[in-house]
Amino acid sequence: MDTTQETIVKLATHPNIVGIKCTDGNVGKAAYVCANTDPAQFTVMSGSADAFVPFLSVGAQGCIPGFGNVAPRILCELF
């Protein structure tokens, strides 16, 4: 199920929702969410290693990739 960027921004205002792992690779959606949420209150993370750098360039704060289970130290050093 694809969640719209507007819905994500609305959900970001809920006190129990503190972030999102975006697995669709949609950098435009990530940019919109980053621009319309407070990074101190809501974290946007890439869910794909392929989208990690593009997501960072639009304001995302990190990545939760599959390879993190294989090489967690490397991922922690990047963070």
PDB file of N, CA and C in Angstrom:
ATOM      1  N   MET A   1       0.841  -1.170   0.000  1.00  0.00           N
ATOM      2  CA  MET A   1       0.000   0.000   0.000  1.00  0.00           C
ATOM      3  C   MET A   1       0.891   1.239   0.000  1.00  0.00           C
ATOM      4  N   ASP A   2       0.647   2.109  -0.916  1.00  0.00           N
ATOM      5  CA  ASP A   2       1.416   3.346  -1.005  1.00  0.00           C
ATOM      6  C   ASP A   2       0.689   4.440  -0.227  1.00  0.00           C
ATOM      7  N   THR A   3       1.398   5.062   0.675  1.00  0.00           N
ATOM      8  CA  THR A   3       0.839   6.150   1.474  1.00  0.00           C
ATOM      9  C   THR A   3       1.234   7.474   0.835  1.00  0.00           C
ATOM     10  N   THR A   4       0.293   8.367   0.673  1.00  0.00           N
ATOM     11  CA  THR A   4       0.602   9.648   0.037  1.00  0.00           C
ATOM     12  C   THR A   4       1.475  10.504   0.950  1.00  0.00           C
ATOM     13  N   GLN A   5       2.190  11.410   0.340  1.00  0.00           N
ATOM     14  CA  GLN A   5       3.056  12.308   1.111  1.00  0.00           C
ATOM     15  C   GLN A   5       2.240  13.190   2.045  1.00  0.00           C
ATOM     16  N   GLU A   6       1.061  13.589   1.622  1.00  0.00           N
ATOM     17  CA  GLU A   6       0.201  14.410   2.474  1.00  0.00           C
ATOM     18  C   GLU A   6      -0.247  13.632   3.714  1.00  0.00           C
ATOM     19  N   THR A   7      -0.566  12.357   3.531  1.00  0.00           N
ATOM     20  CA  THR A   7      -0.965  11.519   4.662  1.00  0.00           C
ATOM     21  C   THR A   7       0.189  11.334   5.634  1.00  0.00           C
ATOM     22  N   ILE A   8       1.396  11.146   5.103  1.00  0.00           N
ATOM     23  CA  ILE A   8       2.571  10.988   5.967  1.00  0.00           C
ATOM     24  C   ILE A   8       2.780  12.245   6.805  1.00  0.00           C
ATOM     25  N   VAL A   9       2.646  13.408   6.183  1.00  0.00           N
ATOM     26  CA  VAL A   9       2.818  14.672   6.910  1.00  0.00           C
ATOM     27  C   VAL A   9       1.758  14.809   8.003  1.00  0.00           C
ATOM     28  N   LYS A  10       0.532  14.402   7.725  1.00  0.00           N
ATOM     29  CA  LYS A  10      -0.520  14.447   8.754  1.00  0.00           C
ATOM     30  C   LYS A  10      -0.203  13.483   9.892  1.00  0.00           C
ATOM     31  N   LEU A  11       0.229  12.266   9.552  1.00  0.00           N
ATOM     32  CA  LEU A  11       0.572  11.277  10.579  1.00  0.00           C
ATOM     33  C   LEU A  11       1.750  11.743  11.434  1.00  0.00           C
ATOM     34  N   ALA A  12       2.637  12.520  10.848  1.00  0.00           N
ATOM     35  CA  ALA A  12       3.822  13.004  11.568  1.00  0.00           C
ATOM     36  C   ALA A  12       3.462  13.902  12.744  1.00  0.00           C
ATOM     37  N   THR A  13       2.257  14.423  12.763  1.00  0.00           N
ATOM     38  CA  THR A  13       1.846  15.287  13.878  1.00  0.00           C
ATOM     39  C   THR A  13       1.373  14.485  15.090  1.00  0.00           C
ATOM     40  N   HIS A  14       1.165  13.184  14.918  1.00  0.00           N
ATOM     41  CA  HIS A  14       0.717  12.339  16.036  1.00  0.00           C
ATOM     42  C   HIS A  14       1.894  12.101  16.980  1.00  0.00           C
ATOM     43  N   PRO A  15       1.709  12.283  18.281  1.00  0.00           N
ATOM     44  CA  PRO A  15       2.833  12.170  19.223  1.00  0.00           C
ATOM     45  C   PRO A  15       3.455  10.774  19.314  1.00  0.00           C
ATOM     46  N   ASN A  16       2.735   9.739  18.909  1.00  0.00           N
ATOM     47  CA  ASN A  16       3.278   8.382  18.976  1.00  0.00           C
ATOM     48  C   ASN A  16       3.950   7.929  17.687  1.00  0.00           C
ATOM     49  N   ILE A  17       3.932   8.773  16.671  1.00  0.00           N
ATOM     50  CA  ILE A  17       4.584   8.444  15.399  1.00  0.00           C
ATOM     51  C   ILE A  17       5.802   9.341  15.271  1.00  0.00           C
ATOM     52  N   VAL A  18       6.977   8.743  15.313  1.00  0.00           N
ATOM     53  CA  VAL A  18       8.211   9.533  15.370  1.00  0.00           C
ATOM     54  C   VAL A  18       9.053   9.451  14.101  1.00  0.00           C
ATOM     55  N   GLY A  19       8.634   8.663  13.119  1.00  0.00           N
ATOM     56  CA  GLY A  19       9.416   8.583  11.904  1.00  0.00           C
ATOM     57  C   GLY A  19       8.831   7.609  10.911  1.00  0.00           C
ATOM     58  N   ILE A  20       9.518   7.526   9.762  1.00  0.00           N
ATOM     59  CA  ILE A  20       9.078   6.635   8.700  1.00  0.00           C
ATOM     60  C   ILE A  20      10.287   6.061   7.977  1.00  0.00           C
ATOM     61  N   LYS A  21      10.171   4.803   7.607  1.00  0.00           N
ATOM     62  CA  LYS A  21      11.143   4.144   6.739  1.00  0.00           C
ATOM     63  C   LYS A  21      10.509   4.103   5.354  1.00  0.00           C
ATOM     64  N   CYS A  22      11.043   4.889   4.440  1.00  0.00           N
ATOM     65  CA  CYS A  22      10.493   4.971   3.083  1.00  0.00           C
ATOM     66  C   CYS A  22      11.162   3.914   2.208  1.00  0.00           C
ATOM     67  N   THR A  23      10.405   2.919   1.809  1.00  0.00           N
ATOM     68  CA  THR A  23      10.981   1.825   1.030  1.00  0.00           C
ATOM     69  C   THR A  23      10.683   1.925  -0.455  1.00  0.00           C
ATOM     70  N   ASP A  24       9.936   2.941  -0.867  1.00  0.00           N
ATOM     71  CA  ASP A  24       9.565   3.034  -2.277  1.00  0.00           C
ATOM     72  C   ASP A  24      10.622   3.716  -3.142  1.00  0.00           C
ATOM     73  N   GLY A  25      11.632   4.322  -2.535  1.00  0.00           N
ATOM     74  CA  GLY A  25      12.689   4.982  -3.299  1.00  0.00           C
ATOM     75  C   GLY A  25      12.263   6.291  -3.941  1.00  0.00           C
ATOM     76  N   ASN A  26      11.118   6.804  -3.575  1.00  0.00           N
ATOM     77  CA  ASN A  26      10.586   8.027  -4.161  1.00  0.00           C
ATOM     78  C   ASN A  26      11.226   9.243  -3.481  1.00  0.00           C
ATOM     79  N   VAL A  27      12.257   9.771  -4.122  1.00  0.00           N
ATOM     80  CA  VAL A  27      13.002  10.892  -3.549  1.00  0.00           C
ATOM     81  C   VAL A  27      12.141  12.153  -3.483  1.00  0.00           C
ATOM     82  N   GLY A  28      11.271  12.344  -4.453  1.00  0.00           N
ATOM     83  CA  GLY A  28      10.376  13.499  -4.437  1.00  0.00           C
ATOM     84  C   GLY A  28       9.440  13.478  -3.239  1.00  0.00           C
ATOM     85  N   LYS A  29       8.908  12.303  -2.927  1.00  0.00           N
ATOM     86  CA  LYS A  29       8.037  12.168  -1.759  1.00  0.00           C
ATOM     87  C   LYS A  29       8.833  12.427  -0.490  1.00  0.00           C
ATOM     88  N   ALA A  30      10.037  11.879  -0.409  1.00  0.00           N
ATOM     89  CA  ALA A  30      10.881  12.100   0.768  1.00  0.00           C
ATOM     90  C   ALA A  30      11.192  13.582   0.933  1.00  0.00           C
ATOM     91  N   ALA A  31      11.477  14.264  -0.162  1.00  0.00           N
ATOM     92  CA  ALA A  31      11.773  15.697  -0.104  1.00  0.00           C
ATOM     93  C   ALA A  31      10.573  16.472   0.431  1.00  0.00           C
ATOM     94  N   TYR A  32       9.381  16.129  -0.036  1.00  0.00           N
ATOM     95  CA  TYR A  32       8.161  16.797   0.429  1.00  0.00           C
ATOM     96  C   TYR A  32       7.964  16.575   1.925  1.00  0.00           C
ATOM     97  N   VAL A  33       8.108  15.324   2.360  1.00  0.00           N
ATOM     98  CA  VAL A  33       7.911  15.007   3.776  1.00  0.00           C
ATOM     99  C   VAL A  33       8.956  15.724   4.627  1.00  0.00           C
ATOM    100  N   CYS A  34      10.208  15.715   4.188  1.00  0.00           N
ATOM    101  CA  CYS A  34      11.266  16.401   4.948  1.00  0.00           C
ATOM    102  C   CYS A  34      11.004  17.901   5.041  1.00  0.00           C
ATOM    103  N   ALA A  35      10.520  18.484   3.960  1.00  0.00           N
ATOM    104  CA  ALA A  35      10.269  19.929   3.938  1.00  0.00           C
ATOM    105  C   ALA A  35       9.057  20.327   4.775  1.00  0.00           C
ATOM    106  N   ASN A  36       8.174  19.380   5.038  1.00  0.00           N
ATOM    107  CA  ASN A  36       6.926  19.708   5.727  1.00  0.00           C
ATOM    108  C   ASN A  36       6.791  19.079   7.105  1.00  0.00           C
ATOM    109  N   THR A  37       7.901  18.595   7.650  1.00  0.00           N
ATOM    110  CA  THR A  37       7.911  18.054   9.010  1.00  0.00           C
ATOM    111  C   THR A  37       9.115  18.617   9.760  1.00  0.00           C
ATOM    112  N   ASP A  38       9.062  18.544  11.062  1.00  0.00           N
ATOM    113  CA  ASP A  38      10.151  19.013  11.921  1.00  0.00           C
ATOM    114  C   ASP A  38      11.091  17.843  12.186  1.00  0.00           C
ATOM    115  N   PRO A  39      12.341  17.913  11.719  1.00  0.00           N
ATOM    116  CA  PRO A  39      13.261  16.789  11.910  1.00  0.00           C
ATOM    117  C   PRO A  39      13.562  16.477  13.375  1.00  0.00           C
ATOM    118  N   ALA A  40      13.314  17.419  14.263  1.00  0.00           N
ATOM    119  CA  ALA A  40      13.500  17.148  15.690  1.00  0.00           C
ATOM    120  C   ALA A  40      12.358  16.296  16.245  1.00  0.00           C
ATOM    121  N   GLN A  41      11.237  16.263  15.522  1.00  0.00           N
ATOM    122  CA  GLN A  41      10.061  15.519  15.974  1.00  0.00           C
ATOM    123  C   GLN A  41       9.742  14.292  15.117  1.00  0.00           C
ATOM    124  N   PHE A  42      10.242  14.275  13.871  1.00  0.00           N
ATOM    125  CA  PHE A  42       9.879  13.213  12.929  1.00  0.00           C
ATOM    126  C   PHE A  42      11.083  12.887  12.060  1.00  0.00           C
ATOM    127  N   THR A  43      11.480  11.627  12.046  1.00  0.00           N
ATOM    128  CA  THR A  43      12.657  11.181  11.307  1.00  0.00           C
ATOM    129  C   THR A  43      12.248  10.498  10.009  1.00  0.00           C
ATOM    130  N   VAL A  44      12.880  10.900   8.918  1.00  0.00           N
ATOM    131  CA  VAL A  44      12.663  10.258   7.622  1.00  0.00           C
ATOM    132  C   VAL A  44      13.916   9.450   7.305  1.00  0.00           C
ATOM    133  N   MET A  45      13.710   8.150   7.037  1.00  0.00           N
ATOM    134  CA  MET A  45      14.826   7.255   6.734  1.00  0.00           C
ATOM    135  C   MET A  45      14.566   6.554   5.403  1.00  0.00           C
ATOM    136  N   SER A  46      15.624   6.369   4.643  1.00  0.00           N
ATOM    137  CA  SER A  46      15.534   5.568   3.431  1.00  0.00           C
ATOM    138  C   SER A  46      15.478   4.100   3.828  1.00  0.00           C
ATOM    139  N   GLY A  47      14.705   3.330   3.110  1.00  0.00           N
ATOM    140  CA  GLY A  47      14.642   1.897   3.361  1.00  0.00           C
ATOM    141  C   GLY A  47      15.444   1.112   2.353  1.00  0.00           C
ATOM    142  N   SER A  48      16.182   1.810   1.528  1.00  0.00           N
ATOM    143  CA  SER A  48      16.945   1.174   0.461  1.00  0.00           C
ATOM    144  C   SER A  48      18.338   1.780   0.383  1.00  0.00           C
ATOM    145  N   ALA A  49      19.341   0.926   0.282  1.00  0.00           N
ATOM    146  CA  ALA A  49      20.717   1.413   0.143  1.00  0.00           C
ATOM    147  C   ALA A  49      20.874   2.215  -1.145  1.00  0.00           C
ATOM    148  N   ASP A  50      20.152   1.831  -2.193  1.00  0.00           N
ATOM    149  CA  ASP A  50      20.239   2.545  -3.468  1.00  0.00           C
ATOM    150  C   ASP A  50      19.750   3.987  -3.362  1.00  0.00           C
ATOM    151  N   ALA A  51      18.802   4.234  -2.483  1.00  0.00           N
ATOM    152  CA  ALA A  51      18.235   5.580  -2.346  1.00  0.00           C
ATOM    153  C   ALA A  51      18.852   6.368  -1.196  1.00  0.00           C
ATOM    154  N   PHE A  52      19.813   5.792  -0.497  1.00  0.00           N
ATOM    155  CA  PHE A  52      20.382   6.409   0.700  1.00  0.00           C
ATOM    156  C   PHE A  52      20.915   7.815   0.442  1.00  0.00           C
ATOM    157  N   VAL A  53      21.834   7.960  -0.492  1.00  0.00           N
ATOM    158  CA  VAL A  53      22.444   9.275  -0.749  1.00  0.00           C
ATOM    159  C   VAL A  53      21.424  10.267  -1.312  1.00  0.00           C
ATOM    160  N   PRO A  54      20.597   9.876  -2.292  1.00  0.00           N
ATOM    161  CA  PRO A  54      19.580  10.834  -2.749  1.00  0.00           C
ATOM    162  C   PRO A  54      18.635  11.284  -1.630  1.00  0.00           C
ATOM    163  N   PHE A  55      18.271  10.369  -0.735  1.00  0.00           N
ATOM    164  CA  PHE A  55      17.409  10.747   0.382  1.00  0.00           C
ATOM    165  C   PHE A  55      18.126  11.729   1.306  1.00  0.00           C
ATOM    166  N   LEU A  56      19.390  11.473   1.597  1.00  0.00           N
ATOM    167  CA  LEU A  56      20.150  12.397   2.446  1.00  0.00           C
ATOM    168  C   LEU A  56      20.191  13.790   1.828  1.00  0.00           C
ATOM    169  N   SER A  57      20.303  13.850   0.504  1.00  0.00           N
ATOM    170  CA  SER A  57      20.416  15.144  -0.175  1.00  0.00           C
ATOM    171  C   SER A  57      19.147  15.990  -0.066  1.00  0.00           C
ATOM    172  N   VAL A  58      18.012  15.362   0.264  1.00  0.00           N
ATOM    173  CA  VAL A  58      16.767  16.125   0.400  1.00  0.00           C
ATOM    174  C   VAL A  58      16.328  16.270   1.854  1.00  0.00           C
ATOM    175  N   GLY A  59      17.186  15.850   2.788  1.00  0.00           N
ATOM    176  CA  GLY A  59      16.894  16.080   4.196  1.00  0.00           C
ATOM    177  C   GLY A  59      16.601  14.864   5.047  1.00  0.00           C
ATOM    178  N   ALA A  60      16.598  13.669   4.459  1.00  0.00           N
ATOM    179  CA  ALA A  60      16.390  12.464   5.269  1.00  0.00           C
ATOM    180  C   ALA A  60      17.549  12.322   6.247  1.00  0.00           C
ATOM    181  N   GLN A  61      17.306  11.605   7.316  1.00  0.00           N
ATOM    182  CA  GLN A  61      18.285  11.549   8.395  1.00  0.00           C
ATOM    183  C   GLN A  61      19.046  10.237   8.488  1.00  0.00           C
ATOM    184  N   GLY A  62      18.763   9.292   7.635  1.00  0.00           N
ATOM    185  CA  GLY A  62      19.480   8.026   7.712  1.00  0.00           C
ATOM    186  C   GLY A  62      18.890   6.977   6.801  1.00  0.00           C
ATOM    187  N   CYS A  63      19.276   5.730   7.067  1.00  0.00           N
ATOM    188  CA  CYS A  63      18.880   4.614   6.223  1.00  0.00           C
ATOM    189  C   CYS A  63      18.724   3.360   7.078  1.00  0.00           C
ATOM    190  N   ILE A  64      17.744   2.550   6.749  1.00  0.00           N
ATOM    191  CA  ILE A  64      17.556   1.256   7.395  1.00  0.00           C
ATOM    192  C   ILE A  64      17.574   0.205   6.281  1.00  0.00           C
ATOM    193  N   PRO A  65      18.757  -0.128   5.771  1.00  0.00           N
ATOM    194  CA  PRO A  65      18.848  -1.065   4.650  1.00  0.00           C
ATOM    195  C   PRO A  65      18.964  -2.513   5.123  1.00  0.00           C
ATOM    196  N   GLY A  66      18.729  -3.432   4.212  1.00  0.00           N
ATOM    197  CA  GLY A  66      18.894  -4.843   4.527  1.00  0.00           C
ATOM    198  C   GLY A  66      20.324  -5.188   4.900  1.00  0.00           C
ATOM    199  N   PHE A  67      21.304  -4.534   4.259  1.00  0.00           N
ATOM    200  CA  PHE A  67      22.696  -4.864   4.558  1.00  0.00           C
ATOM    201  C   PHE A  67      23.098  -4.461   5.968  1.00  0.00           C
ATOM    202  N   GLY A  68      22.268  -3.704   6.628  1.00  0.00           N
ATOM    203  CA  GLY A  68      22.556  -3.331   8.014  1.00  0.00           C
ATOM    204  C   GLY A  68      22.629  -4.534   8.931  1.00  0.00           C
ATOM    205  N   ASN A  69      21.949  -5.606   8.555  1.00  0.00           N
ATOM    206  CA  ASN A  69      22.017  -6.835   9.338  1.00  0.00           C
ATOM    207  C   ASN A  69      23.313  -7.592   9.096  1.00  0.00           C
ATOM    208  N   VAL A  70      23.919  -7.380   7.941  1.00  0.00           N
ATOM    209  CA  VAL A  70      25.155  -8.068   7.583  1.00  0.00           C
ATOM    210  C   VAL A  70      26.372  -7.274   8.047  1.00  0.00           C
ATOM    211  N   ALA A  71      26.314  -5.964   7.928  1.00  0.00           N
ATOM    212  CA  ALA A  71      27.448  -5.101   8.270  1.00  0.00           C
ATOM    213  C   ALA A  71      26.986  -3.963   9.177  1.00  0.00           C
ATOM    214  N   PRO A  72      26.518  -4.265  10.378  1.00  0.00           N
ATOM    215  CA  PRO A  72      25.965  -3.209  11.236  1.00  0.00           C
ATOM    216  C   PRO A  72      26.981  -2.158  11.665  1.00  0.00           C
ATOM    217  N   ARG A  73      28.224  -2.543  11.843  1.00  0.00           N
ATOM    218  CA  ARG A  73      29.228  -1.551  12.272  1.00  0.00           C
ATOM    219  C   ARG A  73      29.449  -0.482  11.214  1.00  0.00           C
ATOM    220  N   ILE A  74      29.500  -0.904   9.967  1.00  0.00           N
ATOM    221  CA  ILE A  74      29.682   0.060   8.876  1.00  0.00           C
ATOM    222  C   ILE A  74      28.504   1.037   8.854  1.00  0.00           C
ATOM    223  N   LEU A  75      27.316   0.517   8.990  1.00  0.00           N
ATOM    224  CA  LEU A  75      26.133   1.376   8.981  1.00  0.00           C
ATOM    225  C   LEU A  75      26.142   2.340  10.160  1.00  0.00           C
ATOM    226  N   CYS A  76      26.543   1.869  11.321  1.00  0.00           N
ATOM    227  CA  CYS A  76      26.619   2.749  12.501  1.00  0.00           C
ATOM    228  C   CYS A  76      27.654   3.843  12.303  1.00  0.00           C
ATOM    229  N   GLU A  77      28.768   3.512  11.659  1.00  0.00           N
ATOM    230  CA  GLU A  77      29.794   4.526  11.393  1.00  0.00           C
ATOM    231  C   GLU A  77      29.262   5.595  10.443  1.00  0.00           C
ATOM    232  N   LEU A  78      28.456   5.194   9.464  1.00  0.00           N
ATOM    233  CA  LEU A  78      27.861   6.163   8.547  1.00  0.00           C
ATOM    234  C   LEU A  78      26.885   7.073   9.269  1.00  0.00           C
ATOM    235  N   PHE A  79      26.155   6.509  10.222  1.00  0.00           N
ATOM    236  CA  PHE A  79      25.161   7.279  10.953  1.00  0.00           C
ATOM    237  C   PHE A  79      25.844   8.304  11.829  1.00  0.00           C
TER     238      PHE A  79
END
